[in-house]
Every structure is written in C-alpha cells, then in structure tokens.
Amino acid sequence: MSIPRLYLDQPLEAGREVPATPGQAHYLGSVMRRGPGDAVLLFNGRHGEWEGRIAAIRKDRCALLPERQARPQPPQADTRLLVAALKRDAMEWVVEKATELGIGLIQPVFTRRSVADRVNAARLAAIAQEAAEQCERLSLPRIGAPQPLPAVLEAWDGIPLLVGAERGERPPLARAAKGLHAPWAWLVGPEGGFDRVELDDLARRAFVSTAALGPRILRAETAAIAGLTLLQALAGDWTE
C-alpha cells in the first residue's frame, strides 16, 4: 500500500503536530481511506522529507504528526523555463512535466503570437504541487506571474538564456549547451514562433543564445519539455 505524500506550507519538526488543508483531509480520509495512526510522508520545500502519522482526522480536518526526517533538503539549482502562454491543457501539461524534471522557476510570458491572453497562475501552482508530491521532489517550482516577454528580458539578471528557434541556421541545443552549468534558462515561443521584432530583440542581448531542436517543427509544449530534458541531462541534476 502506497504511503500518501503531502506538501505542507508549515515548519516540520519531530513531535509537532501540523494541520492539513481541508482538501488534503478529504484526500486522506475519503479518497485514500486512511485513518489515525496511518503513515504519511511530508515535505515543505525547506526541511526535507519527513515520515509521520495521521494524528487525527475527521471530514475536512486533519492533524499530521512528523516523526523523523527521512531525507535532508538538497539545494535547488537555479533552472528556469520561460514559455509563451499556451492553451490551458497544454500549459498545464508543461507545468506538470517541468515540475517532474526538477525545474526551479516556470515563467509564463506573453509574446506577439501567444495563443492565450491569460494564465491562471493559481491553478498552475496547484498542478505543480500535485506533481511534486507524486514525483518525490522535495521542493515546489515557483510559478512566475505572467508578464510580457520584453518586460521579463528587461528585468533579466544575466544568467544564460537559451532560446528555441525553429527557423534559420541555429546550432543544435546540445552544442549550444556544451560546458553549461546551472544557473540556466530555456525559452520557448508560441505555436507560431517568435516574430521578427522579438527575434531581433533577443539577438541583441548578450545573455541569449539561440538553438535548434532537430529537423522537425515541434509543438510548443513538446519543445519546452524536450529542451528541458536535454538541458537537465547535459547541464542539470541528471549529471549528479
């Protein structure tokens, strides 16, 4: 029987009861059919993973008791995904998979050809939390407030930003990432690609490198995750 694993925005220490959210209480009691004394795994993104027990549960109320730390909190590498706002299902899928891949920041951006004009950041944060609980990650990615791409670039802190460009003569991403180590970021445009003004703006910035993802045209969500997979393998925590 699998042990439920929950993220709590609470300090975790041995013997100190912490409350679950009403949704978590419903999940434990009604969905997982757990009761007092049953085992849980807890994490908060700061204090590692804890083995614990359900101290009390009733309808939408639940108290959880951390007992011992099972895994210490590792440092979070500064890895980022910038992705043009996509349609809801595609955007949610990207957030789920980027969370599973261990990305530290997911930043939705609005571009000239974005297919969506709004992003539900709260919904994306909930999806990221659920994905982190399921993949045994010890932290949650930050979900950035959606912003226009020029605003994000103007406020950029200078870490290497690799940009997926499907047209023109671009080096393969594996070559562009040679020798790269975190921190880094990966930017993917909308289904119609970046327009010329955006490409010119990116080209003039010293921290930007453009790269290709093979001979085929990829959907935006495919390009986002394919690029992150390659970067994690070459310059991320898959090398550890």
Protein backbone atom coordinates (compact mmCIF):
# COMPACT_ATOMS: atom_id res chain seq x y z
CA MET A 1 0.00 0.00 0.00
CA SER A 2 1.50 3.33 -1.06
CA ILE A 3 2.11 5.98 1.55
CA PRO A 4 0.40 9.33 0.83
CA ARG A 5 2.88 12.14 0.30
CA LEU A 6 1.83 15.72 1.05
CA TYR A 7 3.27 19.20 0.71
CA LEU A 8 2.62 21.43 3.73
CA ASP A 9 3.41 25.12 4.00
CA GLN A 10 4.30 24.61 7.65
CA PRO A 11 7.51 24.07 9.65
CA LEU A 12 8.26 20.38 10.14
CA GLU A 13 9.84 19.05 13.31
CA ALA A 14 9.58 15.82 15.26
CA GLY A 15 6.58 15.66 17.60
CA ARG A 16 4.98 18.93 16.49
CA GLU A 17 1.52 18.43 15.00
CA VAL A 18 0.70 20.38 11.85
CA PRO A 19 -2.72 20.85 10.25
CA ALA A 20 -3.53 19.54 6.80
CA THR A 21 -5.63 21.62 4.43
CA PRO A 22 -9.31 20.69 4.06
CA GLY A 23 -8.54 19.30 0.61
CA GLN A 24 -5.75 17.14 2.00
CA ALA A 25 -8.00 15.92 4.82
CA HIS A 26 -10.63 14.90 2.25
CA TYR A 27 -7.99 13.19 0.13
CA LEU A 28 -6.60 11.21 3.06
CA GLY A 29 -9.93 10.22 4.59
CA SER A 30 -12.32 9.87 1.67
CA VAL A 31 -10.05 9.06 -1.28
CA MET A 32 -7.19 7.13 0.31
CA ARG A 33 -9.31 5.73 3.17
CA ARG A 34 -6.65 6.48 5.76
CA GLY A 35 -7.25 6.96 9.48
CA PRO A 36 -5.45 7.85 12.72
CA GLY A 37 -2.09 6.15 13.04
CA ASP A 38 -1.61 5.59 9.31
CA ALA A 39 1.71 6.61 7.78
CA VAL A 40 2.28 9.73 5.67
CA LEU A 41 5.28 11.43 4.07
CA LEU A 42 5.55 15.20 4.47
CA PHE A 43 7.68 17.93 2.91
CA ASN A 44 7.62 21.72 2.84
CA GLY A 45 10.46 22.70 0.49
CA ARG A 46 12.67 23.75 3.41
CA HIS A 47 13.12 20.96 5.94
CA GLY A 48 13.48 17.84 3.80
CA GLU A 49 11.10 14.90 3.78
CA TRP A 50 9.57 13.57 6.98
CA GLU A 51 7.99 10.29 7.91
CA GLY A 52 4.92 10.85 10.02
CA ARG A 53 1.48 9.69 11.06
CA ILE A 54 -2.09 10.91 10.94
CA ALA A 55 -2.76 12.11 14.47
CA ALA A 56 -6.46 12.83 13.99
CA ILE A 57 -8.84 13.08 11.05
CA ARG A 58 -12.50 14.00 10.65
CA LYS A 59 -14.18 15.14 7.45
CA ASP A 60 -12.25 18.23 6.34
CA ARG A 61 -9.97 18.41 9.37
CA CYS A 62 -6.77 16.52 9.88
CA ALA A 63 -3.72 16.79 12.12
CA LEU A 64 -0.43 15.27 10.99
CA LEU A 65 2.50 14.34 13.23
CA PRO A 66 6.03 14.41 11.78
CA GLU A 67 8.21 11.80 13.49
CA ARG A 68 11.63 11.71 11.84
CA GLN A 69 13.41 13.24 8.88
CA ALA A 70 13.83 10.68 6.10
CA ARG A 71 15.71 12.90 3.61
CA PRO A 72 17.50 16.22 4.13
CA GLN A 73 16.67 19.23 1.98
CA PRO A 74 19.02 19.45 -1.02
CA PRO A 75 19.93 22.77 -2.63
CA GLN A 76 17.69 23.79 -5.53
CA ALA A 77 19.60 24.53 -8.72
CA ASP A 78 18.59 27.75 -10.47
CA THR A 79 16.98 26.31 -13.59
CA ARG A 80 14.16 28.14 -15.33
CA LEU A 81 11.58 27.62 -18.02
CA LEU A 82 10.15 30.62 -19.86
CA VAL A 83 7.24 29.58 -22.03
CA ALA A 84 4.84 31.59 -24.15
CA ALA A 85 1.29 31.38 -22.83
CA LEU A 86 -0.36 28.28 -24.29
CA LYS A 87 -3.89 26.97 -24.29
CA ARG A 88 -4.99 25.70 -20.90
CA ASP A 89 -4.45 21.94 -21.34
CA ALA A 90 -1.06 22.36 -22.97
CA MET A 91 0.08 24.88 -20.36
CA GLU A 92 -0.97 22.63 -17.50
CA TRP A 93 0.83 19.68 -19.08
CA VAL A 94 4.03 21.71 -19.45
CA VAL A 95 3.90 22.77 -15.79
CA GLU A 96 3.35 19.19 -14.64
CA LYS A 97 6.26 17.83 -16.68
CA ALA A 98 8.62 20.72 -15.88
CA THR A 99 7.94 20.07 -12.20
CA GLU A 100 8.78 16.40 -12.63
CA LEU A 101 12.01 17.43 -14.36
CA GLY A 102 13.04 19.49 -11.32
CA ILE A 103 12.86 22.99 -12.80
CA GLY A 104 13.06 25.75 -10.21
CA LEU A 105 11.04 28.50 -11.92
CA ILE A 106 8.28 28.33 -14.52
CA GLN A 107 7.65 31.76 -16.02
CA PRO A 108 4.72 32.23 -18.43
CA VAL A 109 5.32 35.05 -20.90
CA PHE A 110 3.13 36.82 -23.42
CA THR A 111 4.53 37.14 -26.93
CA ARG A 112 3.16 38.74 -30.08
CA ARG A 113 1.81 35.40 -31.31
CA SER A 114 0.75 33.86 -27.99
CA VAL A 115 -2.36 31.75 -28.42
CA ALA A 116 -3.65 32.61 -24.93
CA ASP A 117 -4.10 36.05 -23.41
CA ARG A 118 -4.41 34.95 -19.79
CA VAL A 119 -2.86 32.39 -17.45
CA ASN A 120 -4.37 31.01 -14.24
CA ALA A 121 -1.25 31.08 -12.07
CA ALA A 122 -3.07 29.70 -9.01
CA ARG A 123 -4.26 26.69 -10.98
CA LEU A 124 -0.74 26.11 -12.32
CA ALA A 125 0.67 26.28 -8.80
CA ALA A 126 -1.80 23.61 -7.66
CA ILE A 127 -0.77 21.37 -10.57
CA ALA A 128 2.90 21.88 -9.71
CA GLN A 129 2.23 20.92 -6.08
CA GLU A 130 0.44 17.73 -7.05
CA ALA A 131 3.22 16.80 -9.47
CA ALA A 132 5.89 17.44 -6.80
CA GLU A 133 4.01 15.22 -4.34
CA GLN A 134 3.83 12.38 -6.86
CA CYS A 135 7.40 12.53 -8.22
CA GLU A 136 9.10 12.62 -4.78
CA ARG A 137 10.53 16.05 -5.35
CA LEU A 138 11.40 17.95 -2.15
CA SER A 139 10.55 21.44 -3.39
CA LEU A 140 7.93 23.20 -5.45
CA PRO A 141 8.80 25.23 -8.53
CA ARG A 142 7.97 28.90 -8.38
CA ILE A 143 5.27 29.90 -10.83
CA GLY A 144 6.07 33.41 -12.01
CA ALA A 145 3.36 35.98 -12.57
CA PRO A 146 2.64 36.09 -16.33
CA GLN A 147 4.41 39.01 -17.98
CA PRO A 148 5.11 40.31 -21.49
CA LEU A 149 8.36 38.89 -22.83
CA PRO A 150 10.04 42.33 -23.20
CA ALA A 151 9.40 43.08 -19.52
CA VAL A 152 10.97 39.78 -18.49
CA LEU A 153 14.02 40.40 -20.67
CA GLU A 154 14.49 43.94 -19.37
CA ALA A 155 14.49 42.69 -15.77
CA TRP A 156 16.69 39.66 -16.52
CA ASP A 157 19.58 39.01 -14.12
CA GLY A 158 22.03 37.89 -16.80
CA ILE A 159 22.05 34.11 -16.40
CA PRO A 160 22.39 32.22 -19.72
CA LEU A 161 19.09 32.09 -21.59
CA LEU A 162 18.85 29.51 -24.36
CA VAL A 163 16.07 30.13 -26.85
CA GLY A 164 14.40 27.52 -29.01
CA ALA A 165 14.30 28.81 -32.60
CA GLU A 166 12.77 26.61 -35.25
CA ARG A 167 13.87 28.64 -38.28
CA GLY A 168 17.22 29.72 -39.63
CA GLU A 169 20.72 28.42 -39.08
CA ARG A 170 20.96 27.62 -35.40
CA PRO A 171 23.36 25.29 -33.59
CA PRO A 172 21.80 22.17 -32.06
CA LEU A 173 20.82 22.65 -28.44
CA ALA A 174 23.33 20.01 -27.33
CA ARG A 175 26.13 22.06 -28.91
CA ALA A 176 24.82 25.36 -27.56
CA ALA A 177 24.70 23.87 -24.06
CA LYS A 178 28.24 22.44 -24.18
CA GLY A 179 30.08 23.38 -21.00
CA LEU A 180 26.95 24.91 -19.48
CA HIS A 181 26.17 24.52 -15.78
CA ALA A 182 23.29 25.84 -13.69
CA PRO A 183 22.10 28.52 -13.49
CA TRP A 184 20.45 28.49 -16.91
CA ALA A 185 17.07 29.13 -18.51
CA TRP A 186 15.18 27.78 -21.52
CA LEU A 187 12.76 29.95 -23.51
CA VAL A 188 10.15 28.53 -25.88
CA GLY A 189 7.86 30.67 -28.01
CA PRO A 190 4.26 30.17 -29.09
CA GLU A 191 2.89 27.81 -31.74
CA GLY A 192 3.51 30.39 -34.48
CA GLY A 193 7.04 31.09 -33.31
CA PHE A 194 8.59 34.41 -32.37
CA ASP A 195 8.08 37.28 -34.77
CA ARG A 196 10.97 39.18 -36.30
CA VAL A 197 10.88 42.03 -33.77
CA GLU A 198 11.15 39.56 -30.90
CA LEU A 199 13.98 37.64 -32.56
CA ASP A 200 15.88 40.89 -33.13
CA ASP A 201 15.36 41.88 -29.51
CA LEU A 202 16.64 38.50 -28.30
CA ALA A 203 19.65 38.62 -30.64
CA ARG A 204 20.92 41.91 -29.22
CA ARG A 205 21.05 40.63 -25.64
CA ALA A 206 24.40 39.24 -24.51
CA PHE A 207 22.92 36.60 -22.24
CA VAL A 208 20.84 34.98 -25.05
CA SER A 209 21.86 32.03 -27.23
CA THR A 210 19.53 30.56 -29.84
CA ALA A 211 19.44 26.83 -30.54
CA ALA A 212 17.62 24.28 -32.67
CA LEU A 213 15.79 21.14 -31.60
CA GLY A 214 16.29 18.89 -34.57
CA PRO A 215 14.99 18.82 -38.14
CA ARG A 216 11.27 18.75 -37.32
CA ILE A 217 8.88 21.50 -36.27
CA LEU A 218 7.73 20.76 -32.72
CA ARG A 219 4.63 21.86 -30.93
CA ALA A 220 5.43 24.46 -28.27
CA GLU A 221 4.75 22.11 -25.38
CA THR A 222 6.91 19.40 -26.97
CA ALA A 223 9.76 21.86 -27.49
CA ALA A 224 9.52 23.05 -23.89
CA ILE A 225 9.88 19.60 -22.38
CA ALA A 226 12.32 18.24 -24.97
CA GLY A 227 14.63 21.17 -24.31
CA LEU A 228 14.40 20.84 -20.55
CA THR A 229 15.11 17.11 -20.76
CA LEU A 230 18.25 17.69 -22.80
CA LEU A 231 19.42 20.53 -20.56
CA GLN A 232 18.89 18.52 -17.39
CA ALA A 233 20.87 15.64 -18.91
CA LEU A 234 23.75 17.87 -20.05
CA ALA A 235 23.83 20.66 -17.50
CA GLY A 236 21.40 19.83 -14.72
CA ASP A 237 20.86 17.42 -11.85
CA TRP A 238 20.79 14.35 -14.12
CA THR A 239 24.59 14.62 -14.17
CA GLU A 240 24.87 14.12 -10.40
